[in-house]
Amino acid sequence: LQLYRGLGGLAELPDQFHKVNPATGSRGYLEFGFMSTTANKSIAMQYSGVKEGKPRAMVMVIEPNAVDRGASLKEFSQYPREDEYLYLPSSFVQPNGEPQVKWESGGVVTIVPVRVSVNLKMDRVDGLLGKKKAMHLA
C-alpha cells in the first residue's frame, strides 16, 4: 500500500522538515490536525495544484507500516473512489528520501517521500478538555 497527500501548490514545507533540529537530532514536523491521504495517486494530483499551474505543486508519498498507518474511511466516505486514509492529529512527518521534480498531470510537481509516525500516546479530546477544565479550576 502506498498513500499520497496533495499539498495544494501554494506553500513550502516548514524549515524543520529540511534541517536537522539540534535538540532532537531529527528532521520533520508535527501535523497538528487530522491528515487526509489517499491510496489513489490521481486524487492526490488533483489536490497538488499542478493542474491549476500553482507554483509549488507537491505530493507526499507515504509507505505506511503495520503501526504507523491511517484509518481507512472508504466505507464511510461520501467520495469512496478517493480511497481516503486519515491520520490522527500530532502525527510526525519526516523525510524518507530525496524529493524528485517530475512532469505529471500536465505540469511540474515535486514528489516528496515521507514517513509518518502516529502519536499513539496523545490524549483524546475528552481527556484534553478534562485537563483544560482542571487547569482553570486549580
C-alpha atoms as a PDB file:
ATOM      1  CA  LEU A   1       0.000   0.000   0.000  1.00  0.00           C
ATOM      2  CA  GLN A   2       1.247   3.462  -0.890  1.00  0.00           C
ATOM      3  CA  LEU A   3      -0.531   6.631   0.238  1.00  0.00           C
ATOM      4  CA  TYR A   4      -0.400  10.128  -1.243  1.00  0.00           C
ATOM      5  CA  ARG A   5      -1.153  13.638   0.015  1.00  0.00           C
ATOM      6  CA  GLY A   6      -1.555  16.594  -2.355  1.00  0.00           C
ATOM      7  CA  LEU A   7      -0.377  19.835  -0.723  1.00  0.00           C
ATOM      8  CA  GLY A   8      -2.280  22.486  -2.686  1.00  0.00           C
ATOM      9  CA  GLY A   9       0.594  24.113  -4.544  1.00  0.00           C
ATOM     10  CA  LEU A  10       0.904  27.351  -2.573  1.00  0.00           C
ATOM     11  CA  ALA A  11       3.110  26.584   0.430  1.00  0.00           C
ATOM     12  CA  GLU A  12       6.590  25.259   1.085  1.00  0.00           C
ATOM     13  CA  LEU A  13       7.267  22.585   3.655  1.00  0.00           C
ATOM     14  CA  PRO A  14       8.367  24.051   7.009  1.00  0.00           C
ATOM     15  CA  ASP A  15      12.101  24.663   7.542  1.00  0.00           C
ATOM     16  CA  GLN A  16      12.303  21.957  10.212  1.00  0.00           C
ATOM     17  CA  PHE A  17      11.359  19.398   7.542  1.00  0.00           C
ATOM     18  CA  HIS A  18      14.642  20.025   5.717  1.00  0.00           C
ATOM     19  CA  LYS A  19      17.025  20.986   8.552  1.00  0.00           C
ATOM     20  CA  VAL A  20      18.128  18.796  11.454  1.00  0.00           C
ATOM     21  CA  ASN A  21      16.881  20.063  14.811  1.00  0.00           C
ATOM     22  CA  PRO A  22      19.977  20.095  17.073  1.00  0.00           C
ATOM     23  CA  ALA A  23      17.853  19.419  20.178  1.00  0.00           C
ATOM     24  CA  THR A  24      16.281  16.225  18.816  1.00  0.00           C
ATOM     25  CA  GLY A  25      18.698  15.217  16.061  1.00  0.00           C
ATOM     26  CA  SER A  26      15.793  14.735  13.662  1.00  0.00           C
ATOM     27  CA  ARG A  27      14.122  16.415  10.715  1.00  0.00           C
ATOM     28  CA  GLY A  28      10.378  16.738  10.248  1.00  0.00           C
ATOM     29  CA  TYR A  29       7.330  18.485  11.621  1.00  0.00           C
ATOM     30  CA  LEU A  30       4.282  17.788  13.755  1.00  0.00           C
ATOM     31  CA  GLU A  31       0.952  17.801  11.908  1.00  0.00           C
ATOM     32  CA  PHE A  32      -1.428  19.417  14.406  1.00  0.00           C
ATOM     33  CA  GLY A  33      -4.701  18.434  12.732  1.00  0.00           C
ATOM     34  CA  PHE A  34      -6.078  15.324  11.092  1.00  0.00           C
ATOM     35  CA  MET A  35      -4.075  14.484   7.961  1.00  0.00           C
ATOM     36  CA  SER A  36      -6.004  13.227   4.957  1.00  0.00           C
ATOM     37  CA  THR A  37      -4.252  10.935   2.474  1.00  0.00           C
ATOM     38  CA  THR A  38      -5.379   8.746  -0.405  1.00  0.00           C
ATOM     39  CA  ALA A  39      -4.342   5.453  -1.972  1.00  0.00           C
ATOM     40  CA  ASN A  40      -5.350   6.932  -5.349  1.00  0.00           C
ATOM     41  CA  LYS A  41      -2.396   8.872  -6.828  1.00  0.00           C
ATOM     42  CA  SER A  42      -4.584  10.719  -9.345  1.00  0.00           C
ATOM     43  CA  ILE A  43      -6.720  12.120  -6.493  1.00  0.00           C
ATOM     44  CA  ALA A  44      -3.575  13.437  -4.782  1.00  0.00           C
ATOM     45  CA  MET A  45      -2.520  15.040  -8.076  1.00  0.00           C
ATOM     46  CA  GLN A  46      -5.869  16.867  -8.160  1.00  0.00           C
ATOM     47  CA  TYR A  47      -5.101  18.301  -4.709  1.00  0.00           C
ATOM     48  CA  SER A  48      -1.446  19.103  -5.539  1.00  0.00           C
ATOM     49  CA  GLY A  49      -2.176  22.276  -7.510  1.00  0.00           C
ATOM     50  CA  VAL A  50      -0.386  21.017 -10.631  1.00  0.00           C
ATOM     51  CA  LYS A  51      -3.430  21.250 -12.928  1.00  0.00           C
ATOM     52  CA  GLU A  52      -4.032  24.857 -11.870  1.00  0.00           C
ATOM     53  CA  GLY A  53      -0.382  25.721 -12.572  1.00  0.00           C
ATOM     54  CA  LYS A  54       0.330  26.607  -8.937  1.00  0.00           C
ATOM     55  CA  PRO A  55       3.984  27.452  -8.244  1.00  0.00           C
ATOM     56  CA  ARG A  56       4.702  24.776  -5.628  1.00  0.00           C
ATOM     57  CA  ALA A  57       2.678  21.752  -6.735  1.00  0.00           C
ATOM     58  CA  MET A  58       3.646  18.980  -4.351  1.00  0.00           C
ATOM     59  CA  VAL A  59       2.614  15.435  -3.413  1.00  0.00           C
ATOM     60  CA  MET A  60       3.826  13.500  -0.390  1.00  0.00           C
ATOM     61  CA  VAL A  61       4.321   9.756  -0.911  1.00  0.00           C
ATOM     62  CA  ILE A  62       3.885   7.656   2.234  1.00  0.00           C
ATOM     63  CA  GLU A  63       4.737   3.973   2.680  1.00  0.00           C
ATOM     64  CA  PRO A  64       2.774   3.059   5.823  1.00  0.00           C
ATOM     65  CA  ASN A  65       3.667   0.121   8.038  1.00  0.00           C
ATOM     66  CA  ALA A  66       1.561  -2.007  10.387  1.00  0.00           C
ATOM     67  CA  VAL A  67       1.689   0.521  13.256  1.00  0.00           C
ATOM     68  CA  ASP A  68       2.001   3.905  11.552  1.00  0.00           C
ATOM     69  CA  ARG A  69      -0.938   3.855   9.198  1.00  0.00           C
ATOM     70  CA  GLY A  70      -4.022   5.977   8.820  1.00  0.00           C
ATOM     71  CA  ALA A  71      -7.554   4.697   9.208  1.00  0.00           C
ATOM     72  CA  SER A  72      -9.421   3.833   6.012  1.00  0.00           C
ATOM     73  CA  LEU A  73     -12.565   5.935   5.564  1.00  0.00           C
ATOM     74  CA  LYS A  74     -13.669   4.238   2.346  1.00  0.00           C
ATOM     75  CA  GLU A  75     -16.767   2.614   3.878  1.00  0.00           C
ATOM     76  CA  PHE A  76     -17.903   5.882   5.479  1.00  0.00           C
ATOM     77  CA  SER A  77     -16.925   8.397   2.817  1.00  0.00           C
ATOM     78  CA  GLN A  78     -19.217  10.455   0.636  1.00  0.00           C
ATOM     79  CA  TYR A  79     -16.492  10.012  -2.013  1.00  0.00           C
ATOM     80  CA  PRO A  80     -15.449   6.321  -1.788  1.00  0.00           C
ATOM     81  CA  ARG A  81     -13.389   6.496  -5.012  1.00  0.00           C
ATOM     82  CA  GLU A  82     -10.984   8.808  -3.187  1.00  0.00           C
ATOM     83  CA  ASP A  83      -9.915   5.799  -1.052  1.00  0.00           C
ATOM     84  CA  GLU A  84      -9.106   8.124   1.862  1.00  0.00           C
ATOM     85  CA  TYR A  85      -6.938   7.249   4.855  1.00  0.00           C
ATOM     86  CA  LEU A  86      -6.932   9.620   7.822  1.00  0.00           C
ATOM     87  CA  TYR A  87      -4.011  10.110  10.207  1.00  0.00           C
ATOM     88  CA  LEU A  88      -4.511  11.283  13.794  1.00  0.00           C
ATOM     89  CA  PRO A  89      -3.550  14.776  14.974  1.00  0.00           C
ATOM     90  CA  SER A  90       0.020  15.051  16.288  1.00  0.00           C
ATOM     91  CA  SER A  91       1.406  12.674  13.688  1.00  0.00           C
ATOM     92  CA  PHE A  92       5.060  13.391  12.899  1.00  0.00           C
ATOM     93  CA  VAL A  93       6.011  13.786   9.232  1.00  0.00           C
ATOM     94  CA  GLN A  94       9.671  13.294   8.322  1.00  0.00           C
ATOM     95  CA  PRO A  95      11.612  12.943   5.068  1.00  0.00           C
ATOM     96  CA  ASN A  96      12.201   9.434   3.757  1.00  0.00           C
ATOM     97  CA  GLY A  97      14.403  10.153   0.754  1.00  0.00           C
ATOM     98  CA  GLU A  98      15.124  12.993  -1.613  1.00  0.00           C
ATOM     99  CA  PRO A  99      12.319  14.960  -3.290  1.00  0.00           C
ATOM    100  CA  GLN A 100      12.026  14.498  -7.061  1.00  0.00           C
ATOM    101  CA  VAL A 101      10.683  17.005  -9.567  1.00  0.00           C
ATOM    102  CA  LYS A 102       8.567  15.287 -12.227  1.00  0.00           C
ATOM    103  CA  TRP A 103       6.247  16.105 -15.099  1.00  0.00           C
ATOM    104  CA  GLU A 104       2.843  14.721 -14.058  1.00  0.00           C
ATOM    105  CA  SER A 105      -0.759  15.572 -14.897  1.00  0.00           C
ATOM    106  CA  GLY A 106       0.290  18.238 -17.378  1.00  0.00           C
ATOM    107  CA  GLY A 107       2.694  20.153 -15.167  1.00  0.00           C
ATOM    108  CA  VAL A 108       5.693  20.151 -12.851  1.00  0.00           C
ATOM    109  CA  VAL A 109       5.129  18.582  -9.440  1.00  0.00           C
ATOM    110  CA  THR A 110       7.528  17.817  -6.586  1.00  0.00           C
ATOM    111  CA  ILE A 111       7.206  14.279  -5.229  1.00  0.00           C
ATOM    112  CA  VAL A 112       8.302  14.107  -1.574  1.00  0.00           C
ATOM    113  CA  PRO A 113       8.823  10.674   0.030  1.00  0.00           C
ATOM    114  CA  VAL A 114       7.923  10.820   3.730  1.00  0.00           C
ATOM    115  CA  ARG A 115       7.430   8.628   6.754  1.00  0.00           C
ATOM    116  CA  VAL A 116       4.547   9.393   9.107  1.00  0.00           C
ATOM    117  CA  SER A 117       4.792   8.358  12.758  1.00  0.00           C
ATOM    118  CA  VAL A 118       1.440   8.196  14.516  1.00  0.00           C
ATOM    119  CA  ASN A 119       1.390   9.549  18.068  1.00  0.00           C
ATOM    120  CA  LEU A 120      -0.303   6.739  19.981  1.00  0.00           C
ATOM    121  CA  LYS A 121       0.086   8.483  23.368  1.00  0.00           C
ATOM    122  CA  MET A 122      -1.895  11.609  22.501  1.00  0.00           C
ATOM    123  CA  ASP A 123      -4.899  12.269  24.712  1.00  0.00           C
ATOM    124  CA  ARG A 124      -8.348  12.076  23.177  1.00  0.00           C
ATOM    125  CA  VAL A 125     -10.466  15.218  23.022  1.00  0.00           C
ATOM    126  CA  ASP A 126     -12.357  14.370  26.226  1.00  0.00           C
ATOM    127  CA  GLY A 127      -9.055  13.924  28.083  1.00  0.00           C
ATOM    128  CA  LEU A 128      -7.720  17.252  26.801  1.00  0.00           C
ATOM    129  CA  LEU A 129     -10.947  19.016  27.798  1.00  0.00           C
ATOM    130  CA  GLY A 130     -10.704  17.470  31.281  1.00  0.00           C
ATOM    131  CA  LYS A 131      -7.128  18.736  31.668  1.00  0.00           C
ATOM    132  CA  LYS A 132      -8.164  22.200  30.474  1.00  0.00           C
ATOM    133  CA  LYS A 133     -11.071  22.275  32.947  1.00  0.00           C
ATOM    134  CA  ALA A 134      -8.777  21.160  35.794  1.00  0.00           C
ATOM    135  CA  MET A 135      -6.288  23.940  34.944  1.00  0.00           C
ATOM    136  CA  HIS A 136      -8.989  26.578  35.201  1.00  0.00           C
ATOM    137  CA  LEU A 137     -10.331  25.216  38.485  1.00  0.00           C
ATOM    138  CA  ALA A 138      -6.919  24.955  40.149  1.00  0.00           C
END
